[in-house]
Amino acid sequence: MRFVLFCFETKLEVVNISAKELRINHQIRAKQVRLVGEEGEQLGIVETFRALAIAKEKDLDLVEIAPEGVPPVCRILNYGKFRYAQRKREKEASKKQRVIKVKEIKMRPKIDEHDYQTKIRQAWTFYDHGDKVKLTLQFRGREMSHKDLGHQLMERIVEDMSEVADLEAPPKDEGMQIVAVFNPKPVSQQKAAAKETTLEKEEENG
């Protein structure tokens, strides 16, 4: 991904340019370049060999930051420091990017209370990590004749999930199973919901 911002009236700013795509020093092919100094000052259009000489005098590099320009825009800078800063920005950006996963939890319509609570806690753990949850209620054999019990259980699940997750895909019959998908609420909403639940329990006990 590559973004270039530049302004010829004042100073030029370079943002998120991939160092791998840049030509530097003698890799620059154009005969002339629009030169920008190390402080962002505009030095006008100059011959490339002259721009290289200016950069060399300052013990810096000539970097082609906007090759699509006519002539291309080049800036005098420390390429080593530029690459370090770029890698640091890319690393920070990658930390902020997260692939949302869909975790599946399976239940049976006649699940006992202990196993039910274990499954619910497992779902909450997934929400804490920002993952979606696909909850599958599976039926076998004669259980299909009592699918209404499955729908009742799913209603309870939706209620128990409501504090920390939104219902993205409502419960739906899919052959021998009922499926629903839950999307985690923002962390702030989860915390507020958890706090409200705690206060309600304290009032009940108090």
N, C-alpha and C. Protein backbone atom coordinates (compact mmCIF):
# COMPACT_ATOMS: atom_id res chain seq x y z
N MET A 1 0.85 -1.18 0.00
CA MET A 1 0.00 0.00 0.00
C MET A 1 0.89 1.23 0.00
N ARG A 2 0.49 2.27 -0.77
CA ARG A 2 1.36 3.40 -0.93
C ARG A 2 0.56 4.68 -1.02
N PHE A 3 0.95 5.66 -0.20
CA PHE A 3 0.26 6.94 -0.22
C PHE A 3 1.31 8.04 -0.27
N VAL A 4 1.09 9.03 -1.13
CA VAL A 4 2.03 10.14 -1.22
C VAL A 4 1.25 11.43 -1.12
N LEU A 5 1.67 12.30 -0.21
CA LEU A 5 1.06 13.61 -0.09
C LEU A 5 2.14 14.64 -0.39
N PHE A 6 1.88 15.54 -1.33
CA PHE A 6 2.87 16.58 -1.53
C PHE A 6 2.20 17.88 -1.93
N CYS A 7 2.83 18.96 -1.58
CA CYS A 7 2.28 20.28 -1.84
C CYS A 7 3.42 21.17 -2.32
N PHE A 8 3.28 21.78 -3.50
CA PHE A 8 4.36 22.58 -4.06
C PHE A 8 4.37 24.01 -3.53
N GLU A 9 3.29 24.45 -2.86
CA GLU A 9 3.27 25.82 -2.36
C GLU A 9 4.12 25.97 -1.10
N THR A 10 4.11 24.96 -0.25
CA THR A 10 4.87 25.09 1.00
C THR A 10 5.86 23.96 1.11
N LYS A 11 5.61 23.07 2.03
CA LYS A 11 6.54 21.96 2.24
C LYS A 11 5.91 20.66 1.80
N LEU A 12 6.75 19.69 1.56
CA LEU A 12 6.28 18.39 1.11
C LEU A 12 6.34 17.41 2.26
N GLU A 13 5.30 16.60 2.37
CA GLU A 13 5.28 15.56 3.39
C GLU A 13 5.19 14.21 2.71
N VAL A 14 5.95 13.26 3.23
CA VAL A 14 5.91 11.91 2.70
C VAL A 14 5.28 11.00 3.74
N VAL A 15 4.23 10.29 3.36
CA VAL A 15 3.52 9.45 4.32
C VAL A 15 3.35 8.05 3.76
N ASN A 16 3.79 7.05 4.51
CA ASN A 16 3.55 5.66 4.17
C ASN A 16 3.96 5.27 2.76
N ILE A 17 5.15 5.67 2.34
CA ILE A 17 5.66 5.23 1.05
C ILE A 17 6.49 3.98 1.29
N SER A 18 6.22 2.96 0.54
CA SER A 18 6.98 1.72 0.70
C SER A 18 8.40 1.92 0.20
N ALA A 19 9.36 1.68 1.08
CA ALA A 19 10.77 1.87 0.72
C ALA A 19 11.18 0.94 -0.41
N LYS A 20 10.51 -0.19 -0.54
CA LYS A 20 10.87 -1.16 -1.59
C LYS A 20 10.59 -0.61 -2.97
N GLU A 21 9.68 0.36 -3.08
CA GLU A 21 9.27 0.88 -4.38
C GLU A 21 10.08 2.10 -4.81
N LEU A 22 10.92 2.61 -3.96
CA LEU A 22 11.62 3.86 -4.25
C LEU A 22 12.96 3.65 -4.96
N ARG A 23 13.23 4.53 -5.89
CA ARG A 23 14.56 4.56 -6.50
C ARG A 23 15.39 5.57 -5.73
N ILE A 24 16.67 5.27 -5.53
CA ILE A 24 17.54 6.20 -4.83
C ILE A 24 18.81 6.43 -5.64
N ASN A 25 19.35 7.62 -5.47
CA ASN A 25 20.63 8.01 -6.07
C ASN A 25 20.72 7.65 -7.56
N HIS A 26 21.67 6.83 -7.95
CA HIS A 26 21.90 6.54 -9.38
C HIS A 26 20.87 5.60 -9.98
N GLN A 27 19.91 5.13 -9.18
CA GLN A 27 18.81 4.33 -9.73
C GLN A 27 17.77 5.22 -10.41
N ILE A 28 17.82 6.50 -10.12
CA ILE A 28 16.86 7.46 -10.68
C ILE A 28 17.17 7.68 -12.16
N ARG A 29 16.19 7.45 -13.02
CA ARG A 29 16.42 7.46 -14.46
C ARG A 29 16.14 8.79 -15.14
N ALA A 30 15.28 9.61 -14.53
CA ALA A 30 14.89 10.87 -15.17
C ALA A 30 16.10 11.81 -15.30
N LYS A 31 16.09 12.63 -16.36
CA LYS A 31 17.19 13.58 -16.57
C LYS A 31 17.03 14.80 -15.67
N GLN A 32 15.77 15.12 -15.36
CA GLN A 32 15.49 16.24 -14.47
C GLN A 32 14.55 15.78 -13.36
N VAL A 33 14.61 16.46 -12.22
CA VAL A 33 13.73 16.14 -11.10
C VAL A 33 13.25 17.43 -10.46
N ARG A 34 12.08 17.32 -9.82
CA ARG A 34 11.61 18.44 -8.99
C ARG A 34 12.18 18.18 -7.60
N LEU A 35 13.11 18.99 -7.18
CA LEU A 35 13.89 18.70 -5.98
C LEU A 35 13.31 19.35 -4.72
N VAL A 36 13.26 18.55 -3.68
CA VAL A 36 12.82 19.01 -2.36
C VAL A 36 13.98 18.80 -1.40
N GLY A 37 14.31 19.83 -0.63
CA GLY A 37 15.43 19.75 0.29
C GLY A 37 15.13 18.92 1.52
N GLU A 38 16.14 18.74 2.35
CA GLU A 38 15.99 17.89 3.53
C GLU A 38 15.01 18.46 4.54
N GLU A 39 14.76 19.76 4.51
CA GLU A 39 13.80 20.39 5.43
C GLU A 39 12.44 20.57 4.79
N GLY A 40 12.27 20.03 3.57
CA GLY A 40 10.99 20.15 2.89
C GLY A 40 10.90 21.38 2.00
N GLU A 41 11.98 22.13 1.87
CA GLU A 41 11.95 23.33 1.06
C GLU A 41 12.00 22.98 -0.44
N GLN A 42 11.30 23.78 -1.25
CA GLN A 42 11.25 23.55 -2.69
C GLN A 42 12.50 24.16 -3.35
N LEU A 43 13.22 23.33 -4.08
CA LEU A 43 14.44 23.78 -4.75
C LEU A 43 14.27 23.85 -6.26
N GLY A 44 13.04 23.60 -6.72
CA GLY A 44 12.74 23.75 -8.13
C GLY A 44 13.15 22.55 -8.97
N ILE A 45 13.07 22.72 -10.29
CA ILE A 45 13.43 21.65 -11.21
C ILE A 45 14.91 21.77 -11.55
N VAL A 46 15.64 20.73 -11.32
CA VAL A 46 17.09 20.74 -11.57
C VAL A 46 17.50 19.47 -12.31
N GLU A 47 18.67 19.52 -12.94
CA GLU A 47 19.20 18.33 -13.58
C GLU A 47 19.48 17.27 -12.52
N THR A 48 19.24 16.02 -12.85
CA THR A 48 19.41 14.94 -11.88
C THR A 48 20.84 14.85 -11.37
N PHE A 49 21.81 15.04 -12.27
CA PHE A 49 23.21 14.95 -11.82
C PHE A 49 23.52 16.04 -10.80
N ARG A 50 22.86 17.22 -10.96
CA ARG A 50 23.06 18.30 -10.01
C ARG A 50 22.42 17.97 -8.67
N ALA A 51 21.22 17.39 -8.70
CA ALA A 51 20.53 16.99 -7.48
C ALA A 51 21.35 15.94 -6.73
N LEU A 52 21.96 15.02 -7.46
CA LEU A 52 22.82 14.00 -6.83
C LEU A 52 24.03 14.64 -6.16
N ALA A 53 24.57 15.65 -6.82
CA ALA A 53 25.74 16.33 -6.26
C ALA A 53 25.37 17.06 -4.97
N ILE A 54 24.19 17.70 -4.96
CA ILE A 54 23.74 18.42 -3.76
C ILE A 54 23.57 17.45 -2.60
N ALA A 55 22.94 16.29 -2.89
CA ALA A 55 22.73 15.29 -1.85
C ALA A 55 24.07 14.76 -1.33
N LYS A 56 25.00 14.53 -2.23
CA LYS A 56 26.30 14.00 -1.84
C LYS A 56 27.06 15.00 -0.96
N GLU A 57 26.95 16.28 -1.30
CA GLU A 57 27.62 17.32 -0.50
C GLU A 57 27.14 17.31 0.95
N LYS A 58 25.86 16.95 1.13
CA LYS A 58 25.28 16.92 2.47
C LYS A 58 25.41 15.54 3.13
N ASP A 59 26.08 14.62 2.42
CA ASP A 59 26.24 13.25 2.90
C ASP A 59 24.88 12.59 3.12
N LEU A 60 23.96 12.88 2.17
CA LEU A 60 22.62 12.32 2.23
C LEU A 60 22.30 11.61 0.91
N ASP A 61 21.07 11.16 0.77
CA ASP A 61 20.65 10.44 -0.43
C ASP A 61 19.60 11.23 -1.20
N LEU A 62 19.54 10.95 -2.49
CA LEU A 62 18.49 11.51 -3.32
C LEU A 62 17.46 10.40 -3.52
N VAL A 63 16.23 10.64 -3.07
CA VAL A 63 15.20 9.60 -3.11
C VAL A 63 14.02 10.06 -3.96
N GLU A 64 13.62 9.23 -4.92
CA GLU A 64 12.50 9.53 -5.80
C GLU A 64 11.21 9.16 -5.08
N ILE A 65 10.51 10.17 -4.56
CA ILE A 65 9.34 9.90 -3.73
C ILE A 65 8.03 9.94 -4.50
N ALA A 66 8.04 10.57 -5.69
CA ALA A 66 6.82 10.63 -6.50
C ALA A 66 7.21 10.42 -7.96
N PRO A 67 7.44 9.16 -8.36
CA PRO A 67 7.89 8.87 -9.72
C PRO A 67 6.87 9.22 -10.79
N GLU A 68 5.60 9.36 -10.42
CA GLU A 68 4.58 9.68 -11.41
C GLU A 68 4.58 11.15 -11.80
N GLY A 69 5.32 11.97 -11.07
CA GLY A 69 5.38 13.39 -11.38
C GLY A 69 6.11 13.66 -12.68
N VAL A 70 5.86 14.83 -13.29
CA VAL A 70 6.55 15.24 -14.51
C VAL A 70 7.15 16.61 -14.29
N PRO A 71 8.44 16.69 -13.96
CA PRO A 71 9.35 15.56 -13.73
C PRO A 71 9.07 14.92 -12.36
N PRO A 72 9.65 13.75 -12.12
CA PRO A 72 9.42 13.09 -10.83
C PRO A 72 9.94 13.93 -9.67
N VAL A 73 9.29 13.77 -8.52
CA VAL A 73 9.69 14.51 -7.32
C VAL A 73 10.72 13.70 -6.55
N CYS A 74 11.83 14.35 -6.23
CA CYS A 74 12.87 13.70 -5.45
C CYS A 74 13.17 14.54 -4.22
N ARG A 75 13.53 13.85 -3.16
CA ARG A 75 13.84 14.55 -1.91
C ARG A 75 15.20 14.13 -1.39
N ILE A 76 15.87 15.08 -0.81
CA ILE A 76 17.17 14.81 -0.18
C ILE A 76 16.90 14.39 1.26
N LEU A 77 17.37 13.20 1.62
CA LEU A 77 17.17 12.73 2.99
C LEU A 77 18.12 11.58 3.30
N ASN A 78 18.11 11.20 4.57
CA ASN A 78 18.91 10.05 5.01
C ASN A 78 18.06 8.81 4.76
N TYR A 79 18.43 8.05 3.73
CA TYR A 79 17.60 6.91 3.32
C TYR A 79 17.55 5.83 4.40
N GLY A 80 18.66 5.63 5.10
CA GLY A 80 18.69 4.63 6.17
C GLY A 80 17.69 4.97 7.26
N LYS A 81 17.66 6.23 7.69
CA LYS A 81 16.72 6.64 8.72
C LYS A 81 15.29 6.58 8.21
N PHE A 82 15.12 6.92 6.93
CA PHE A 82 13.79 6.88 6.33
C PHE A 82 13.25 5.45 6.35
N ARG A 83 14.07 4.48 5.95
CA ARG A 83 13.64 3.08 5.92
C ARG A 83 13.32 2.58 7.33
N TYR A 84 14.12 3.01 8.30
CA TYR A 84 13.87 2.60 9.70
C TYR A 84 12.52 3.13 10.16
N ALA A 85 12.25 4.42 9.87
CA ALA A 85 10.99 5.03 10.29
C ALA A 85 9.81 4.37 9.58
N GLN A 86 10.01 4.05 8.28
CA GLN A 86 8.95 3.41 7.51
C GLN A 86 8.61 2.03 8.06
N ARG A 87 9.64 1.25 8.36
CA ARG A 87 9.41 -0.09 8.92
C ARG A 87 8.70 0.00 10.26
N LYS A 88 9.05 1.00 11.05
CA LYS A 88 8.41 1.19 12.35
C LYS A 88 6.93 1.51 12.17
N ARG A 89 6.61 2.37 11.18
CA ARG A 89 5.21 2.72 10.92
C ARG A 89 4.43 1.49 10.45
N GLU A 90 5.06 0.71 9.56
CA GLU A 90 4.39 -0.48 9.04
C GLU A 90 4.14 -1.50 10.15
N LYS A 91 5.11 -1.61 11.08
CA LYS A 91 4.96 -2.53 12.19
C LYS A 91 3.82 -2.11 13.09
N GLU A 92 3.72 -0.80 13.36
CA GLU A 92 2.64 -0.30 14.21
C GLU A 92 1.29 -0.49 13.53
N ALA A 93 1.27 -0.29 12.20
CA ALA A 93 0.02 -0.44 11.46
C ALA A 93 -0.44 -1.89 11.47
N SER A 94 0.52 -2.81 11.36
CA SER A 94 0.17 -4.23 11.35
C SER A 94 -0.37 -4.68 12.69
N LYS A 95 0.08 -4.03 13.78
CA LYS A 95 -0.43 -4.37 15.11
C LYS A 95 -1.89 -4.00 15.25
N LYS A 96 -2.27 -2.90 14.57
CA LYS A 96 -3.64 -2.42 14.68
C LYS A 96 -4.60 -3.22 13.81
N GLN A 97 -4.03 -3.89 12.81
CA GLN A 97 -4.86 -4.69 11.93
C GLN A 97 -5.06 -6.07 12.53
N ARG A 98 -6.28 -6.52 12.55
CA ARG A 98 -6.57 -7.83 13.12
C ARG A 98 -7.62 -8.53 12.30
N VAL A 99 -7.34 -9.77 11.96
CA VAL A 99 -8.31 -10.55 11.21
C VAL A 99 -9.34 -11.12 12.19
N ILE A 100 -10.59 -10.79 11.95
CA ILE A 100 -11.65 -11.28 12.82
C ILE A 100 -11.94 -12.74 12.48
N LYS A 101 -11.86 -13.59 13.47
CA LYS A 101 -12.11 -15.00 13.27
C LYS A 101 -13.51 -15.37 13.74
N VAL A 102 -14.04 -16.42 13.17
CA VAL A 102 -15.34 -16.94 13.59
C VAL A 102 -15.10 -18.27 14.30
N LYS A 103 -15.37 -18.27 15.60
CA LYS A 103 -15.20 -19.48 16.40
C LYS A 103 -16.55 -20.20 16.52
N GLU A 104 -16.52 -21.50 16.38
CA GLU A 104 -17.78 -22.25 16.48
C GLU A 104 -17.89 -22.98 17.81
N ILE A 105 -19.05 -22.87 18.41
CA ILE A 105 -19.36 -23.60 19.64
C ILE A 105 -20.58 -24.47 19.35
N LYS A 106 -20.46 -25.74 19.68
CA LYS A 106 -21.55 -26.68 19.42
C LYS A 106 -22.21 -27.12 20.72
N MET A 107 -23.51 -27.24 20.67
CA MET A 107 -24.28 -27.71 21.82
C MET A 107 -25.30 -28.73 21.37
N ARG A 108 -25.80 -29.49 22.32
CA ARG A 108 -26.92 -30.40 22.09
C ARG A 108 -28.14 -29.83 22.80
N PRO A 109 -29.33 -30.07 22.31
CA PRO A 109 -30.53 -29.49 22.93
C PRO A 109 -30.76 -29.92 24.37
N LYS A 110 -30.22 -31.08 24.76
CA LYS A 110 -30.40 -31.57 26.13
C LYS A 110 -29.14 -31.40 26.96
N ILE A 111 -28.37 -30.37 26.66
CA ILE A 111 -27.13 -30.10 27.39
C ILE A 111 -27.43 -29.84 28.87
N ASP A 112 -26.59 -30.36 29.76
CA ASP A 112 -26.83 -30.12 31.19
C ASP A 112 -26.33 -28.73 31.57
N GLU A 113 -26.75 -28.27 32.74
CA GLU A 113 -26.48 -26.88 33.15
C GLU A 113 -24.98 -26.59 33.25
N HIS A 114 -24.22 -27.52 33.80
CA HIS A 114 -22.77 -27.30 33.97
C HIS A 114 -22.09 -27.12 32.62
N ASP A 115 -22.40 -28.00 31.68
CA ASP A 115 -21.80 -27.90 30.35
C ASP A 115 -22.26 -26.63 29.63
N TYR A 116 -23.52 -26.28 29.87
CA TYR A 116 -24.05 -25.06 29.26
C TYR A 116 -23.25 -23.83 29.71
N GLN A 117 -23.04 -23.70 31.02
CA GLN A 117 -22.31 -22.56 31.55
C GLN A 117 -20.86 -22.56 31.05
N THR A 118 -20.28 -23.74 30.91
CA THR A 118 -18.92 -23.84 30.38
C THR A 118 -18.85 -23.31 28.95
N LYS A 119 -19.84 -23.68 28.14
CA LYS A 119 -19.88 -23.22 26.75
C LYS A 119 -20.07 -21.70 26.66
N ILE A 120 -20.91 -21.17 27.55
CA ILE A 120 -21.16 -19.72 27.55
C ILE A 120 -19.88 -18.97 27.93
N ARG A 121 -19.17 -19.47 28.95
CA ARG A 121 -17.90 -18.83 29.35
C ARG A 121 -16.89 -18.90 28.21
N GLN A 122 -16.90 -19.99 27.49
CA GLN A 122 -15.99 -20.13 26.36
C GLN A 122 -16.30 -19.07 25.29
N ALA A 123 -17.59 -18.86 25.05
CA ALA A 123 -18.00 -17.84 24.07
C ALA A 123 -17.55 -16.45 24.51
N TRP A 124 -17.71 -16.15 25.79
CA TRP A 124 -17.30 -14.85 26.30
C TRP A 124 -15.79 -14.65 26.13
N THR A 125 -15.03 -15.71 26.30
CA THR A 125 -13.59 -15.63 26.09
C THR A 125 -13.27 -15.26 24.64
N PHE A 126 -14.00 -15.84 23.71
CA PHE A 126 -13.81 -15.50 22.30
C PHE A 126 -14.14 -14.04 22.04
N TYR A 127 -15.22 -13.55 22.67
CA TYR A 127 -15.60 -12.15 22.49
C TYR A 127 -14.52 -11.22 23.03
N ASP A 128 -13.91 -11.61 24.14
CA ASP A 128 -12.84 -10.80 24.73
C ASP A 128 -11.69 -10.60 23.76
N HIS A 129 -11.49 -11.59 22.87
CA HIS A 129 -10.42 -11.51 21.87
C HIS A 129 -10.90 -10.89 20.56
N GLY A 130 -12.14 -10.42 20.56
CA GLY A 130 -12.66 -9.76 19.37
C GLY A 130 -13.16 -10.69 18.29
N ASP A 131 -13.35 -11.97 18.61
CA ASP A 131 -13.80 -12.94 17.62
C ASP A 131 -15.33 -13.05 17.60
N LYS A 132 -15.85 -13.41 16.44
CA LYS A 132 -17.27 -13.72 16.34
C LYS A 132 -17.49 -15.16 16.80
N VAL A 133 -18.73 -15.47 17.12
CA VAL A 133 -19.05 -16.83 17.55
C VAL A 133 -20.22 -17.37 16.73
N LYS A 134 -20.00 -18.53 16.14
CA LYS A 134 -21.08 -19.25 15.46
C LYS A 134 -21.54 -20.35 16.41
N LEU A 135 -22.75 -20.23 16.89
CA LEU A 135 -23.26 -21.21 17.84
C LEU A 135 -24.17 -22.19 17.11
N THR A 136 -23.81 -23.44 17.17
CA THR A 136 -24.54 -24.48 16.46
C THR A 136 -25.20 -25.43 17.45
N LEU A 137 -26.51 -25.51 17.36
CA LEU A 137 -27.29 -26.43 18.20
C LEU A 137 -27.62 -27.66 17.36
N GLN A 138 -27.02 -28.78 17.70
CA GLN A 138 -27.13 -29.98 16.88
C GLN A 138 -28.20 -30.95 17.41
N PHE A 139 -28.95 -31.54 16.49
CA PHE A 139 -29.99 -32.52 16.83
C PHE A 139 -29.60 -33.89 16.26
N ARG A 140 -30.05 -34.92 16.95
CA ARG A 140 -29.82 -36.27 16.47
C ARG A 140 -31.12 -37.09 16.56
N GLY A 141 -31.34 -37.88 15.53
CA GLY A 141 -32.47 -38.81 15.54
C GLY A 141 -33.79 -38.21 15.99
N ARG A 142 -34.35 -38.78 17.06
CA ARG A 142 -35.68 -38.38 17.54
C ARG A 142 -35.72 -36.97 18.11
N GLU A 143 -34.56 -36.40 18.39
CA GLU A 143 -34.53 -35.03 18.92
C GLU A 143 -35.17 -34.06 17.93
N MET A 144 -35.18 -34.43 16.65
CA MET A 144 -35.75 -33.55 15.64
C MET A 144 -37.25 -33.31 15.86
N SER A 145 -37.91 -34.27 16.52
CA SER A 145 -39.35 -34.11 16.78
C SER A 145 -39.62 -33.12 17.91
N HIS A 146 -38.56 -32.70 18.59
CA HIS A 146 -38.71 -31.74 19.71
C HIS A 146 -37.86 -30.49 19.44
N LYS A 147 -37.93 -30.03 18.20
CA LYS A 147 -37.10 -28.89 17.82
C LYS A 147 -37.51 -27.61 18.55
N ASP A 148 -38.75 -27.60 19.04
CA ASP A 148 -39.22 -26.44 19.80
C ASP A 148 -38.37 -26.23 21.05
N LEU A 149 -37.90 -27.35 21.64
CA LEU A 149 -37.02 -27.25 22.82
C LEU A 149 -35.69 -26.62 22.43
N GLY A 150 -35.24 -26.93 21.22
CA GLY A 150 -34.00 -26.33 20.72
C GLY A 150 -34.13 -24.84 20.55
N HIS A 151 -35.29 -24.41 20.03
CA HIS A 151 -35.51 -22.98 19.85
C HIS A 151 -35.61 -22.26 21.19
N GLN A 152 -36.17 -22.91 22.18
CA GLN A 152 -36.23 -22.32 23.52
C GLN A 152 -34.83 -22.14 24.09
N LEU A 153 -33.99 -23.17 23.88
CA LEU A 153 -32.61 -23.09 24.36
C LEU A 153 -31.86 -21.98 23.64
N MET A 154 -32.10 -21.85 22.35
CA MET A 154 -31.43 -20.81 21.59
C MET A 154 -31.86 -19.42 22.06
N GLU A 155 -33.12 -19.27 22.44
CA GLU A 155 -33.59 -17.99 22.99
C GLU A 155 -32.84 -17.65 24.27
N ARG A 156 -32.60 -18.66 25.09
CA ARG A 156 -31.85 -18.45 26.33
C ARG A 156 -30.41 -18.04 26.01
N ILE A 157 -29.83 -18.69 25.02
CA ILE A 157 -28.45 -18.38 24.62
C ILE A 157 -28.35 -16.93 24.16
N VAL A 158 -29.30 -16.51 23.33
CA VAL A 158 -29.31 -15.13 22.82
C VAL A 158 -29.38 -14.16 23.98
N GLU A 159 -30.21 -14.46 24.97
CA GLU A 159 -30.34 -13.60 26.15
C GLU A 159 -29.04 -13.55 26.93
N ASP A 160 -28.41 -14.71 27.15
CA ASP A 160 -27.17 -14.77 27.92
C ASP A 160 -26.01 -14.10 27.19
N MET A 161 -26.07 -14.06 25.87
CA MET A 161 -25.00 -13.43 25.09
C MET A 161 -25.18 -11.92 24.98
N SER A 162 -26.38 -11.43 25.24
CA SER A 162 -26.74 -10.05 24.93
C SER A 162 -25.86 -9.00 25.61
N GLU A 163 -25.26 -9.34 26.74
CA GLU A 163 -24.43 -8.37 27.45
C GLU A 163 -23.13 -8.05 26.71
N VAL A 164 -22.61 -9.03 26.01
CA VAL A 164 -21.29 -8.84 25.39
C VAL A 164 -21.29 -9.03 23.88
N ALA A 165 -22.41 -9.41 23.31
CA ALA A 165 -22.43 -9.66 21.86
C ALA A 165 -23.77 -9.28 21.24
N ASP A 166 -23.71 -8.86 20.00
CA ASP A 166 -24.91 -8.57 19.23
C ASP A 166 -25.22 -9.77 18.33
N LEU A 167 -26.49 -9.96 18.08
CA LEU A 167 -26.91 -11.06 17.22
C LEU A 167 -26.74 -10.63 15.76
N GLU A 168 -25.73 -11.16 15.12
CA GLU A 168 -25.46 -10.79 13.72
C GLU A 168 -26.36 -11.57 12.76
N ALA A 169 -26.49 -12.87 13.01
CA ALA A 169 -27.37 -13.70 12.19
C ALA A 169 -28.33 -14.43 13.13
N PRO A 170 -29.62 -14.10 13.09
CA PRO A 170 -30.61 -14.73 14.00
C PRO A 170 -30.63 -16.24 13.85
N PRO A 171 -31.11 -16.95 14.88
CA PRO A 171 -31.19 -18.40 14.82
C PRO A 171 -31.93 -18.87 13.57
N LYS A 172 -31.33 -19.84 12.89
CA LYS A 172 -31.89 -20.32 11.64
C LYS A 172 -31.79 -21.84 11.56
N ASP A 173 -32.87 -22.47 11.15
CA ASP A 173 -32.87 -23.92 10.98
C ASP A 173 -32.04 -24.29 9.75
N GLU A 174 -31.10 -25.19 9.95
CA GLU A 174 -30.29 -25.69 8.84
C GLU A 174 -30.23 -27.22 8.96
N GLY A 175 -31.27 -27.86 8.47
CA GLY A 175 -31.32 -29.31 8.52
C GLY A 175 -31.41 -29.84 9.94
N MET A 176 -30.37 -30.54 10.37
CA MET A 176 -30.34 -31.16 11.70
C MET A 176 -29.76 -30.22 12.77
N GLN A 177 -29.77 -28.93 12.50
CA GLN A 177 -29.20 -28.00 13.47
C GLN A 177 -29.84 -26.62 13.38
N ILE A 178 -29.65 -25.86 14.45
CA ILE A 178 -30.05 -24.45 14.48
C ILE A 178 -28.77 -23.65 14.66
N VAL A 179 -28.60 -22.62 13.83
CA VAL A 179 -27.34 -21.86 13.84
C VAL A 179 -27.62 -20.38 14.07
N ALA A 180 -26.79 -19.75 14.89
CA ALA A 180 -26.84 -18.30 15.10
C ALA A 180 -25.41 -17.78 15.16
N VAL A 181 -25.22 -16.54 14.72
CA VAL A 181 -23.89 -15.93 14.73
C VAL A 181 -23.92 -14.66 15.58
N PHE A 182 -22.94 -14.54 16.47
CA PHE A 182 -22.86 -13.40 17.38
C PHE A 182 -21.59 -12.58 17.10
N ASN A 183 -21.77 -11.28 17.17
CA ASN A 183 -20.66 -10.36 16.93
C ASN A 183 -20.34 -9.63 18.23
N PRO A 184 -19.06 -9.64 18.68
CA PRO A 184 -18.73 -9.00 19.97
C PRO A 184 -18.99 -7.50 19.97
N LYS A 185 -19.52 -7.02 21.07
CA LYS A 185 -19.70 -5.58 21.23
C LYS A 185 -18.36 -4.94 21.53
N PRO A 186 -18.23 -3.61 21.31
CA PRO A 186 -16.99 -2.93 21.69
C PRO A 186 -16.67 -3.18 23.16
N VAL A 187 -15.39 -3.19 23.48
CA VAL A 187 -14.94 -3.50 24.84
C VAL A 187 -15.62 -2.60 25.87
N SER A 188 -15.78 -1.32 25.56
CA SER A 188 -16.39 -0.39 26.50
C SER A 188 -17.82 -0.82 26.84
N GLN A 189 -18.56 -1.30 25.84
CA GLN A 189 -19.93 -1.74 26.07
C GLN A 189 -19.95 -3.02 26.90
N GLN A 190 -18.98 -3.90 26.63
CA GLN A 190 -18.90 -5.15 27.40
C GLN A 190 -18.65 -4.85 28.87
N LYS A 191 -17.73 -3.92 29.13
CA LYS A 191 -17.40 -3.58 30.51
C LYS A 191 -18.60 -2.95 31.22
N ALA A 192 -19.31 -2.08 30.50
CA ALA A 192 -20.47 -1.42 31.09
C ALA A 192 -21.55 -2.46 31.41
N ALA A 193 -21.74 -3.40 30.49
CA ALA A 193 -22.75 -4.44 30.70
C ALA A 193 -22.38 -5.33 31.88
N ALA A 194 -21.09 -5.67 31.96
CA ALA A 194 -20.63 -6.52 33.06
C ALA A 194 -20.80 -5.80 34.40
N LYS A 195 -20.53 -4.49 34.41
CA LYS A 195 -20.66 -3.71 35.63
C LYS A 195 -22.13 -3.64 36.06
N GLU A 196 -23.00 -3.45 35.07
CA GLU A 196 -24.44 -3.38 35.36
C GLU A 196 -24.93 -4.70 35.94
N THR A 197 -24.45 -5.80 35.38
CA THR A 197 -24.84 -7.12 35.88
C THR A 197 -24.38 -7.33 37.31
N THR A 198 -23.16 -6.88 37.59
CA THR A 198 -22.60 -7.01 38.95
C THR A 198 -23.43 -6.22 39.96
N LEU A 199 -23.83 -4.99 39.56
CA LEU A 199 -24.63 -4.16 40.45
C LEU A 199 -26.01 -4.78 40.70
N GLU A 200 -26.58 -5.39 39.65
CA GLU A 200 -27.88 -6.03 39.80
C GLU A 200 -27.80 -7.20 40.79
N LYS A 201 -26.71 -7.98 40.69
CA LYS A 201 -26.53 -9.13 41.59
C LYS A 201 -26.32 -8.66 43.02
N GLU A 202 -25.59 -7.53 43.18
CA GLU A 202 -25.35 -6.99 44.53
C GLU A 202 -26.66 -6.53 45.14
N GLU A 203 -27.54 -5.91 44.31
CA GLU A 203 -28.84 -5.46 44.81
C GLU A 203 -29.71 -6.65 45.22
N GLU A 204 -29.63 -7.72 44.41
CA GLU A 204 -30.42 -8.91 44.72
C GLU A 204 -29.98 -9.54 46.02
N ASN A 205 -28.65 -9.53 46.25
CA ASN A 205 -28.10 -10.15 47.45
C ASN A 205 -28.14 -9.24 48.68
N GLY A 206 -28.30 -7.96 48.38
CA GLY A 206 -28.16 -7.04 49.49
C GLY A 206 -29.40 -6.60 50.13
